[in-house]
Amino acid sequence: MNIILVLIDFREPNERMSSCSIQLVLAFHTDSWRLPVASPNPDLVGYDPGPKCI
């Protein structure tokens, strides 16, 4: 089973990407999954996870 993964960024219009993904699905007779992606939250960038022990 082949699946085409389409990553969607909501910052700009995605009509062209959507039409291209539909053409690929029809050409290869596969399924497609659309996955929304987003930038990381700027408040959390640069912080390491977990407590630090000395």
N, C-alpha and C. Protein backbone atom coordinates (compact mmCIF):
# COMPACT_ATOMS: atom_id res chain seq x y z
N MET A 1 0.84 -1.17 0.00
CA MET A 1 0.00 0.00 0.00
C MET A 1 0.89 1.25 0.00
N ASN A 2 0.67 2.11 -0.93
CA ASN A 2 1.40 3.38 -1.00
C ASN A 2 0.51 4.50 -0.48
N ILE A 3 1.12 5.37 0.29
CA ILE A 3 0.39 6.51 0.84
C ILE A 3 1.22 7.77 0.58
N ILE A 4 0.58 8.81 0.12
CA ILE A 4 1.24 10.10 -0.09
C ILE A 4 0.93 10.97 1.12
N LEU A 5 1.98 11.43 1.79
CA LEU A 5 1.83 12.29 2.95
C LEU A 5 1.97 13.74 2.50
N VAL A 6 0.92 14.53 2.75
CA VAL A 6 0.91 15.94 2.36
C VAL A 6 0.98 16.78 3.63
N LEU A 7 2.06 17.54 3.77
CA LEU A 7 2.23 18.41 4.93
C LEU A 7 1.65 19.78 4.60
N ILE A 8 0.78 20.28 5.46
CA ILE A 8 0.08 21.54 5.21
C ILE A 8 0.54 22.58 6.22
N ASP A 9 1.00 23.70 5.71
CA ASP A 9 1.37 24.84 6.53
C ASP A 9 0.30 25.89 6.31
N PHE A 10 -0.36 26.32 7.36
CA PHE A 10 -1.51 27.20 7.23
C PHE A 10 -1.15 28.68 7.11
N ARG A 11 0.13 29.01 6.97
CA ARG A 11 0.52 30.41 6.86
C ARG A 11 0.26 31.00 5.47
N GLU A 12 0.19 30.18 4.46
CA GLU A 12 -0.02 30.68 3.11
C GLU A 12 -1.01 29.77 2.38
N PRO A 13 -1.61 30.25 1.31
CA PRO A 13 -2.60 29.43 0.58
C PRO A 13 -1.97 28.16 0.01
N ASN A 14 -2.72 27.07 0.08
CA ASN A 14 -2.20 25.77 -0.34
C ASN A 14 -3.01 25.17 -1.49
N GLU A 15 -3.63 25.98 -2.31
CA GLU A 15 -4.44 25.44 -3.39
C GLU A 15 -3.59 24.66 -4.40
N ARG A 16 -2.40 25.18 -4.71
CA ARG A 16 -1.55 24.51 -5.69
C ARG A 16 -1.06 23.16 -5.14
N MET A 17 -0.66 23.15 -3.87
CA MET A 17 -0.21 21.90 -3.27
C MET A 17 -1.35 20.89 -3.21
N SER A 18 -2.53 21.34 -2.90
CA SER A 18 -3.68 20.42 -2.84
C SER A 18 -3.98 19.83 -4.21
N SER A 19 -3.94 20.65 -5.25
CA SER A 19 -4.22 20.14 -6.60
C SER A 19 -3.12 19.19 -7.06
N CYS A 20 -1.87 19.46 -6.71
CA CYS A 20 -0.77 18.55 -7.07
C CYS A 20 -0.90 17.23 -6.34
N SER A 21 -1.27 17.26 -5.08
CA SER A 21 -1.42 16.02 -4.33
C SER A 21 -2.59 15.19 -4.88
N ILE A 22 -3.64 15.84 -5.29
CA ILE A 22 -4.77 15.11 -5.88
C ILE A 22 -4.36 14.46 -7.19
N GLN A 23 -3.58 15.15 -7.99
CA GLN A 23 -3.09 14.58 -9.25
C GLN A 23 -2.20 13.36 -9.00
N LEU A 24 -1.35 13.43 -7.98
CA LEU A 24 -0.49 12.29 -7.65
C LEU A 24 -1.31 11.09 -7.17
N VAL A 25 -2.32 11.36 -6.35
CA VAL A 25 -3.17 10.27 -5.86
C VAL A 25 -3.88 9.58 -7.01
N LEU A 26 -4.40 10.36 -7.94
CA LEU A 26 -5.10 9.78 -9.09
C LEU A 26 -4.14 9.05 -10.02
N ALA A 27 -2.93 9.58 -10.20
CA ALA A 27 -1.98 8.97 -11.12
C ALA A 27 -1.45 7.63 -10.58
N PHE A 28 -1.20 7.55 -9.27
CA PHE A 28 -0.61 6.35 -8.69
C PHE A 28 -1.63 5.45 -8.00
N HIS A 29 -2.90 5.83 -8.02
CA HIS A 29 -3.98 5.04 -7.41
C HIS A 29 -3.65 4.72 -5.95
N THR A 30 -3.35 5.75 -5.18
CA THR A 30 -3.00 5.58 -3.78
C THR A 30 -3.93 6.41 -2.90
N ASP A 31 -3.65 6.37 -1.62
CA ASP A 31 -4.36 7.21 -0.65
C ASP A 31 -3.45 8.37 -0.26
N SER A 32 -4.04 9.38 0.34
CA SER A 32 -3.22 10.49 0.83
C SER A 32 -3.66 10.83 2.24
N TRP A 33 -2.68 11.23 3.04
CA TRP A 33 -2.93 11.72 4.39
C TRP A 33 -2.45 13.15 4.43
N ARG A 34 -3.26 14.01 5.01
CA ARG A 34 -2.88 15.42 5.16
C ARG A 34 -2.54 15.67 6.62
N LEU A 35 -1.35 16.21 6.83
CA LEU A 35 -0.86 16.45 8.18
C LEU A 35 -0.58 17.93 8.35
N PRO A 36 -1.32 18.62 9.23
CA PRO A 36 -1.03 20.03 9.47
C PRO A 36 0.24 20.18 10.30
N VAL A 37 1.08 21.12 9.90
CA VAL A 37 2.31 21.40 10.63
C VAL A 37 2.31 22.85 11.07
N ALA A 38 3.02 23.14 12.14
CA ALA A 38 3.08 24.50 12.66
C ALA A 38 4.47 24.77 13.21
N SER A 39 4.82 26.03 13.29
CA SER A 39 6.09 26.42 13.87
C SER A 39 6.03 26.19 15.38
N PRO A 40 7.20 25.95 16.00
CA PRO A 40 7.18 25.78 17.45
C PRO A 40 6.80 27.06 18.15
N ASN A 41 6.27 26.92 19.34
CA ASN A 41 5.89 28.08 20.14
C ASN A 41 7.15 28.85 20.54
N PRO A 42 7.28 30.13 20.18
CA PRO A 42 8.50 30.87 20.48
C PRO A 42 8.80 30.98 21.97
N ASP A 43 7.80 30.88 22.83
CA ASP A 43 8.04 30.97 24.27
C ASP A 43 8.82 29.77 24.80
N LEU A 44 8.74 28.64 24.10
CA LEU A 44 9.37 27.42 24.59
C LEU A 44 10.68 27.10 23.89
N VAL A 45 11.05 27.83 22.87
CA VAL A 45 12.27 27.54 22.13
C VAL A 45 13.49 27.87 22.99
N GLY A 46 14.42 26.95 23.08
CA GLY A 46 15.65 27.18 23.81
C GLY A 46 15.66 26.60 25.21
N TYR A 47 14.52 26.13 25.69
CA TYR A 47 14.47 25.54 27.02
C TYR A 47 14.65 24.03 26.91
N ASP A 48 15.46 23.47 27.78
CA ASP A 48 15.66 22.03 27.79
C ASP A 48 14.59 21.38 28.65
N PRO A 49 14.12 20.18 28.27
CA PRO A 49 13.09 19.51 29.08
C PRO A 49 13.67 18.92 30.36
N GLY A 50 12.83 18.81 31.33
CA GLY A 50 13.18 18.12 32.55
C GLY A 50 13.97 18.95 33.54
N PRO A 51 14.00 18.48 34.79
CA PRO A 51 14.78 19.20 35.82
C PRO A 51 16.27 18.93 35.64
N LYS A 52 17.07 19.88 36.06
CA LYS A 52 18.52 19.72 36.00
C LYS A 52 19.04 19.43 37.41
N CYS A 53 19.88 18.41 37.51
CA CYS A 53 20.47 18.04 38.79
C CYS A 53 21.95 18.42 38.79
N ILE A 54 22.43 18.86 39.93
CA ILE A 54 23.84 19.22 40.06
C ILE A 54 24.57 18.10 40.78
